[in-house]
């Protein structure tokens, strides 16, 4: 079966008018509601067995990696106006990633 990778119907506001505002972007990372979507080999981490969904995680478990210069891509603002980030991870076993807080 062919594997399909897409984000159809993306509900995020890409905040194009503010994306280059470094201070604003930095402040978003300090928001407790901000979320990170970890990727490995450009594939998002997913969760669930009956229904599959993207595994959006709080920023806190990723702070150490972010401090070491992890690659983050600002995806946009969610419906609740919380920031969404993509964390690019090297290919590695999932169990070595920070534990989700949910």
Protein backbone atom coordinates (compact mmCIF):
# COMPACT_ATOMS: atom_id res chain seq x y z
CA UNK A 1 0.00 0.00 0.00
CA UNK A 2 1.30 3.46 -0.88
CA UNK A 3 2.03 5.68 2.09
CA UNK A 4 0.43 9.12 1.89
CA UNK A 5 1.95 12.04 3.79
CA UNK A 6 0.00 15.27 3.79
CA UNK A 7 -1.63 17.88 5.99
CA UNK A 8 -4.85 18.42 4.08
CA UNK A 9 -7.35 20.87 5.52
CA UNK A 10 -4.72 22.56 7.65
CA UNK A 11 -6.57 24.62 10.32
CA UNK A 12 -3.47 26.63 11.34
CA UNK A 13 -3.20 30.37 10.82
CA UNK A 14 0.31 30.70 9.39
CA UNK A 15 0.56 34.27 10.79
CA UNK A 16 2.42 35.36 7.68
CA UNK A 17 2.42 39.02 8.74
CA UNK A 18 4.39 38.21 11.95
CA UNK A 19 6.60 35.26 10.98
CA UNK A 20 9.72 37.43 10.69
CA UNK A 21 9.22 39.11 14.08
CA UNK A 22 11.93 37.31 16.09
CA UNK A 23 10.78 38.70 19.46
CA UNK A 24 7.18 37.61 18.84
CA UNK A 25 8.28 34.13 17.74
CA UNK A 26 10.52 33.78 20.83
CA UNK A 27 7.63 34.83 23.08
CA UNK A 28 5.42 32.14 21.55
CA UNK A 29 7.84 29.45 22.74
CA UNK A 30 7.32 30.70 26.29
CA UNK A 31 3.56 30.10 26.10
CA UNK A 32 2.51 27.02 28.10
CA UNK A 33 -0.16 26.30 25.47
CA UNK A 34 2.39 26.10 22.61
CA UNK A 35 2.81 22.66 21.06
CA UNK A 36 5.54 20.80 19.19
CA UNK A 37 4.97 18.15 16.55
CA UNK A 38 8.08 15.92 16.53
CA UNK A 39 9.19 14.54 13.18
CA UNK A 40 11.73 11.88 12.34
CA UNK A 41 12.77 11.39 8.71
CA UNK A 42 10.09 14.03 7.92
CA UNK A 43 7.38 11.79 9.37
CA UNK A 44 5.29 13.13 12.26
CA UNK A 45 5.01 11.27 15.52
CA UNK A 46 1.52 9.83 15.84
CA UNK A 47 -0.45 8.29 18.68
CA UNK A 48 -3.51 6.16 19.08
CA UNK A 49 -4.40 2.66 18.05
CA UNK A 50 -8.08 2.87 17.12
CA UNK A 51 -7.84 6.32 15.60
CA UNK A 52 -4.52 7.76 14.52
CA UNK A 53 -3.78 11.38 15.31
CA UNK A 54 -0.77 13.67 15.33
CA UNK A 55 1.07 13.62 18.65
CA UNK A 56 1.22 17.34 19.48
CA UNK A 57 3.36 17.70 22.61
CA UNK A 58 4.00 20.50 25.11
CA UNK A 59 7.19 22.50 24.55
CA UNK A 60 8.53 21.83 28.09
CA UNK A 61 9.96 18.32 27.45
CA UNK A 62 11.77 19.70 24.40
CA UNK A 63 13.39 22.72 26.10
CA UNK A 64 16.78 21.02 26.46
CA UNK A 65 16.90 20.08 22.76
CA UNK A 66 15.72 23.57 21.80
CA UNK A 67 18.47 25.06 23.97
CA UNK A 68 21.03 22.93 22.12
CA UNK A 69 19.88 24.43 18.82
CA UNK A 70 17.23 21.97 17.64
CA UNK A 71 15.64 22.81 14.33
CA UNK A 72 12.18 24.27 14.92
CA UNK A 73 9.79 25.42 12.23
CA UNK A 74 6.89 27.67 13.22
CA UNK A 75 3.80 26.10 11.64
CA UNK A 76 1.25 28.67 12.76
CA UNK A 77 -1.41 29.42 15.34
CA UNK A 78 -4.10 26.91 16.19
CA UNK A 79 -7.79 27.64 16.65
CA UNK A 80 -7.12 28.49 20.28
CA UNK A 81 -4.34 30.81 19.00
CA UNK A 82 -1.67 28.59 20.55
CA UNK A 83 1.57 28.31 18.65
CA UNK A 84 2.37 25.11 16.80
CA UNK A 85 5.93 24.08 16.02
CA UNK A 86 7.54 21.29 14.09
CA UNK A 87 10.60 19.78 15.76
CA UNK A 88 12.88 18.02 13.30
CA UNK A 89 14.48 15.04 14.96
CA UNK A 90 17.23 12.84 13.58
CA UNK A 91 16.14 9.32 12.77
CA UNK A 92 16.10 7.49 16.07
CA UNK A 93 13.97 5.18 18.12
CA UNK A 94 10.79 6.75 19.39
CA UNK A 95 11.39 5.65 22.97
CA UNK A 96 14.39 7.98 23.22
CA UNK A 97 12.18 11.03 22.69
CA UNK A 98 10.87 12.98 25.69
CA UNK A 99 7.81 11.43 27.30
CA UNK A 100 4.53 13.15 26.27
CA UNK A 101 2.80 14.98 29.11
CA UNK A 102 -0.76 13.96 28.12
